[in-house]
Amino acid sequence: MGQPDAFTAIADTNRRYLLEELRRGPKTVNQLASGLPVSRPAVSQHLKILLDSGLVSVRSQGTRRVYEISEPGFVKLNLWLDQFWQE
């Protein structure tokens, strides 16, 4: 299976929730998991899909991994969508 594209990544409601939370600012898996009815490992799996699709990025902060929105991933998505609105 290849890398998931952005549309596959945002098709899942849990991943859309994660993106909405990350839009408010960088967060750890524990912070993100507190708002979802799924396990932390499941949140990590969802974040991996978002990471592989280029919609989020991750950085290490001590022993924690902090996730945030990846602007280039959304620019690419927006460029593709914008072609349908241009005359």
N, C-alpha and C. Protein backbone atom coordinates (compact mmCIF):
# COMPACT_ATOMS: atom_id res chain seq x y z
N MET A 1 0.84 -1.17 0.00
CA MET A 1 0.00 0.00 0.00
C MET A 1 0.89 1.24 0.00
N GLY A 2 0.54 2.22 -0.84
CA GLY A 2 1.33 3.43 -0.94
C GLY A 2 0.97 4.42 0.16
N GLN A 3 1.62 5.56 0.08
CA GLN A 3 1.32 6.61 1.06
C GLN A 3 -0.11 7.09 0.88
N PRO A 4 -0.81 7.34 1.99
CA PRO A 4 -2.17 7.85 1.86
C PRO A 4 -2.15 9.28 1.33
N ASP A 5 -3.13 9.60 0.49
CA ASP A 5 -3.21 10.99 0.04
C ASP A 5 -4.03 11.78 1.04
N ALA A 6 -4.03 13.09 0.87
CA ALA A 6 -4.70 13.96 1.82
C ALA A 6 -6.20 13.68 1.91
N PHE A 7 -6.81 13.34 0.78
CA PHE A 7 -8.25 13.09 0.79
C PHE A 7 -8.59 11.82 1.56
N THR A 8 -7.77 10.80 1.43
CA THR A 8 -7.96 9.59 2.22
C THR A 8 -7.78 9.90 3.70
N ALA A 9 -6.79 10.71 3.99
CA ALA A 9 -6.50 11.06 5.38
C ALA A 9 -7.65 11.82 6.03
N ILE A 10 -8.25 12.75 5.32
CA ILE A 10 -9.30 13.56 5.94
C ILE A 10 -10.68 12.91 5.84
N ALA A 11 -10.76 11.74 5.22
CA ALA A 11 -12.05 11.06 5.11
C ALA A 11 -12.55 10.55 6.46
N ASP A 12 -11.66 10.31 7.39
CA ASP A 12 -12.02 9.76 8.70
C ASP A 12 -12.37 10.89 9.68
N THR A 13 -13.48 10.73 10.39
CA THR A 13 -13.92 11.78 11.32
C THR A 13 -12.94 11.99 12.47
N ASN A 14 -12.31 10.92 12.93
CA ASN A 14 -11.32 11.08 14.01
C ASN A 14 -10.13 11.90 13.54
N ARG A 15 -9.69 11.68 12.32
CA ARG A 15 -8.56 12.45 11.80
C ARG A 15 -8.94 13.91 11.56
N ARG A 16 -10.17 14.15 11.14
CA ARG A 16 -10.62 15.54 11.00
C ARG A 16 -10.65 16.23 12.36
N TYR A 17 -11.07 15.50 13.38
CA TYR A 17 -11.05 16.05 14.74
C TYR A 17 -9.61 16.41 15.13
N LEU A 18 -8.67 15.51 14.87
CA LEU A 18 -7.28 15.77 15.21
C LEU A 18 -6.77 17.01 14.50
N LEU A 19 -7.12 17.16 13.23
CA LEU A 19 -6.68 18.35 12.48
C LEU A 19 -7.29 19.62 13.07
N GLU A 20 -8.55 19.55 13.46
CA GLU A 20 -9.18 20.73 14.07
C GLU A 20 -8.50 21.10 15.38
N GLU A 21 -8.13 20.09 16.16
CA GLU A 21 -7.42 20.36 17.41
C GLU A 21 -6.03 20.94 17.14
N LEU A 22 -5.33 20.39 16.15
CA LEU A 22 -4.00 20.88 15.84
C LEU A 22 -4.03 22.28 15.21
N ARG A 23 -5.14 22.62 14.61
CA ARG A 23 -5.29 23.97 14.06
C ARG A 23 -5.20 25.01 15.18
N ARG A 24 -5.59 24.61 16.37
CA ARG A 24 -5.55 25.51 17.54
C ARG A 24 -4.14 25.62 18.13
N GLY A 25 -3.25 24.70 17.73
CA GLY A 25 -1.88 24.73 18.22
C GLY A 25 -1.29 23.34 18.35
N PRO A 26 0.03 23.25 18.44
CA PRO A 26 0.71 21.95 18.57
C PRO A 26 0.26 21.20 19.83
N LYS A 27 0.20 19.88 19.71
CA LYS A 27 -0.25 19.05 20.84
C LYS A 27 0.46 17.70 20.81
N THR A 28 0.51 17.07 21.96
CA THR A 28 1.05 15.72 22.08
C THR A 28 -0.07 14.70 21.85
N VAL A 29 0.32 13.45 21.72
CA VAL A 29 -0.67 12.38 21.55
C VAL A 29 -1.61 12.33 22.74
N ASN A 30 -1.07 12.46 23.96
CA ASN A 30 -1.91 12.42 25.16
C ASN A 30 -2.93 13.54 25.15
N GLN A 31 -2.51 14.73 24.78
CA GLN A 31 -3.44 15.86 24.73
C GLN A 31 -4.54 15.60 23.69
N LEU A 32 -4.15 15.06 22.55
CA LEU A 32 -5.13 14.80 21.49
C LEU A 32 -6.07 13.65 21.87
N ALA A 33 -5.54 12.63 22.50
CA ALA A 33 -6.33 11.45 22.85
C ALA A 33 -7.41 11.77 23.88
N SER A 34 -7.19 12.80 24.69
CA SER A 34 -8.16 13.10 25.74
C SER A 34 -9.52 13.51 25.18
N GLY A 35 -9.57 13.95 23.94
CA GLY A 35 -10.84 14.38 23.35
C GLY A 35 -11.50 13.35 22.45
N LEU A 36 -10.92 12.17 22.36
CA LEU A 36 -11.46 11.13 21.47
C LEU A 36 -11.83 9.87 22.25
N PRO A 37 -12.84 9.17 21.78
CA PRO A 37 -13.25 7.92 22.45
C PRO A 37 -12.47 6.71 21.94
N VAL A 38 -11.20 6.93 21.57
CA VAL A 38 -10.35 5.83 21.10
C VAL A 38 -9.08 5.82 21.93
N SER A 39 -8.35 4.73 21.87
CA SER A 39 -7.13 4.58 22.66
C SER A 39 -6.00 5.47 22.14
N ARG A 40 -5.00 5.67 22.98
CA ARG A 40 -3.82 6.43 22.54
C ARG A 40 -3.13 5.76 21.37
N PRO A 41 -2.98 4.41 21.36
CA PRO A 41 -2.38 3.79 20.17
C PRO A 41 -3.20 4.06 18.89
N ALA A 42 -4.51 4.10 19.02
CA ALA A 42 -5.35 4.40 17.84
C ALA A 42 -5.12 5.83 17.38
N VAL A 43 -4.98 6.76 18.33
CA VAL A 43 -4.69 8.15 17.97
C VAL A 43 -3.34 8.22 17.26
N SER A 44 -2.36 7.48 17.76
CA SER A 44 -1.04 7.45 17.12
C SER A 44 -1.14 6.92 15.69
N GLN A 45 -1.97 5.92 15.47
CA GLN A 45 -2.16 5.39 14.11
C GLN A 45 -2.80 6.45 13.20
N HIS A 46 -3.77 7.16 13.71
CA HIS A 46 -4.39 8.23 12.92
C HIS A 46 -3.38 9.33 12.61
N LEU A 47 -2.56 9.68 13.59
CA LEU A 47 -1.54 10.71 13.37
C LEU A 47 -0.51 10.25 12.34
N LYS A 48 -0.18 8.96 12.33
CA LYS A 48 0.76 8.42 11.33
C LYS A 48 0.20 8.61 9.93
N ILE A 49 -1.08 8.39 9.74
CA ILE A 49 -1.69 8.58 8.43
C ILE A 49 -1.64 10.05 8.04
N LEU A 50 -1.95 10.93 8.98
CA LEU A 50 -1.88 12.37 8.70
C LEU A 50 -0.44 12.80 8.41
N LEU A 51 0.50 12.21 9.11
CA LEU A 51 1.92 12.51 8.88
C LEU A 51 2.35 12.02 7.51
N ASP A 52 2.00 10.79 7.16
CA ASP A 52 2.37 10.21 5.86
C ASP A 52 1.73 10.96 4.70
N SER A 53 0.57 11.56 4.93
CA SER A 53 -0.11 12.30 3.86
C SER A 53 0.41 13.74 3.75
N GLY A 54 1.27 14.14 4.69
CA GLY A 54 1.86 15.47 4.65
C GLY A 54 1.03 16.56 5.28
N LEU A 55 -0.03 16.21 5.99
CA LEU A 55 -0.90 17.22 6.59
C LEU A 55 -0.46 17.66 7.98
N VAL A 56 0.35 16.83 8.64
CA VAL A 56 0.91 17.22 9.93
C VAL A 56 2.40 16.93 9.94
N SER A 57 3.08 17.57 10.87
CA SER A 57 4.50 17.31 11.09
C SER A 57 4.68 17.00 12.56
N VAL A 58 5.82 16.45 12.91
CA VAL A 58 6.09 16.06 14.29
C VAL A 58 7.52 16.47 14.65
N ARG A 59 7.69 16.85 15.90
CA ARG A 59 9.04 17.17 16.40
C ARG A 59 9.16 16.59 17.80
N SER A 60 10.36 16.26 18.16
CA SER A 60 10.61 15.74 19.51
C SER A 60 10.83 16.89 20.46
N GLN A 61 10.25 16.76 21.63
CA GLN A 61 10.43 17.74 22.70
C GLN A 61 10.67 16.92 23.97
N GLY A 62 11.94 16.69 24.28
CA GLY A 62 12.26 15.79 25.38
C GLY A 62 11.87 14.38 24.99
N THR A 63 11.06 13.75 25.82
CA THR A 63 10.60 12.39 25.52
C THR A 63 9.26 12.38 24.79
N ARG A 64 8.72 13.54 24.53
CA ARG A 64 7.41 13.64 23.87
C ARG A 64 7.55 13.98 22.39
N ARG A 65 6.56 13.57 21.65
CA ARG A 65 6.45 13.95 20.24
C ARG A 65 5.31 14.94 20.13
N VAL A 66 5.59 16.08 19.55
CA VAL A 66 4.61 17.15 19.44
C VAL A 66 4.20 17.26 17.97
N TYR A 67 2.90 17.18 17.74
CA TYR A 67 2.35 17.24 16.38
C TYR A 67 1.79 18.63 16.11
N GLU A 68 1.89 19.04 14.85
CA GLU A 68 1.33 20.31 14.43
C GLU A 68 0.94 20.25 12.96
N ILE A 69 0.12 21.20 12.55
CA ILE A 69 -0.31 21.29 11.16
C ILE A 69 0.91 21.56 10.29
N SER A 70 0.95 20.91 9.14
CA SER A 70 2.01 21.14 8.16
C SER A 70 1.45 22.02 7.06
N GLU A 71 1.84 23.27 7.08
CA GLU A 71 1.31 24.22 6.10
C GLU A 71 1.56 23.77 4.65
N PRO A 72 2.75 23.27 4.29
CA PRO A 72 2.95 22.84 2.90
C PRO A 72 1.96 21.76 2.45
N GLY A 73 1.58 20.87 3.36
CA GLY A 73 0.60 19.84 3.01
C GLY A 73 -0.75 20.42 2.67
N PHE A 74 -1.15 21.45 3.41
CA PHE A 74 -2.44 22.08 3.13
C PHE A 74 -2.38 22.99 1.92
N VAL A 75 -1.22 23.59 1.66
CA VAL A 75 -1.06 24.40 0.45
C VAL A 75 -1.25 23.51 -0.77
N LYS A 76 -0.63 22.34 -0.75
CA LYS A 76 -0.77 21.39 -1.87
C LYS A 76 -2.23 20.99 -2.06
N LEU A 77 -2.91 20.70 -0.97
CA LEU A 77 -4.32 20.33 -1.02
C LEU A 77 -5.16 21.48 -1.57
N ASN A 78 -4.90 22.69 -1.08
CA ASN A 78 -5.64 23.86 -1.54
C ASN A 78 -5.40 24.15 -3.01
N LEU A 79 -4.17 23.99 -3.47
CA LEU A 79 -3.87 24.22 -4.89
C LEU A 79 -4.68 23.27 -5.77
N TRP A 80 -4.78 22.02 -5.34
CA TRP A 80 -5.55 21.06 -6.12
C TRP A 80 -7.04 21.45 -6.14
N LEU A 81 -7.57 21.83 -4.98
CA LEU A 81 -8.98 22.22 -4.90
C LEU A 81 -9.27 23.52 -5.67
N ASP A 82 -8.34 24.45 -5.60
CA ASP A 82 -8.54 25.75 -6.25
C ASP A 82 -8.74 25.64 -7.76
N GLN A 83 -8.21 24.61 -8.38
CA GLN A 83 -8.36 24.49 -9.83
C GLN A 83 -9.82 24.35 -10.25
N PHE A 84 -10.67 23.95 -9.33
CA PHE A 84 -12.08 23.79 -9.65
C PHE A 84 -12.86 25.09 -9.54
N TRP A 85 -12.26 26.11 -8.94
CA TRP A 85 -12.95 27.38 -8.76
C TRP A 85 -12.42 28.46 -9.69
N GLN A 86 -11.32 28.19 -10.36
CA GLN A 86 -10.75 29.18 -11.27
C GLN A 86 -11.47 29.11 -12.62
N GLU A 87 -11.58 30.27 -13.24
CA GLU A 87 -12.25 30.31 -14.55
C GLU A 87 -11.26 30.13 -15.65
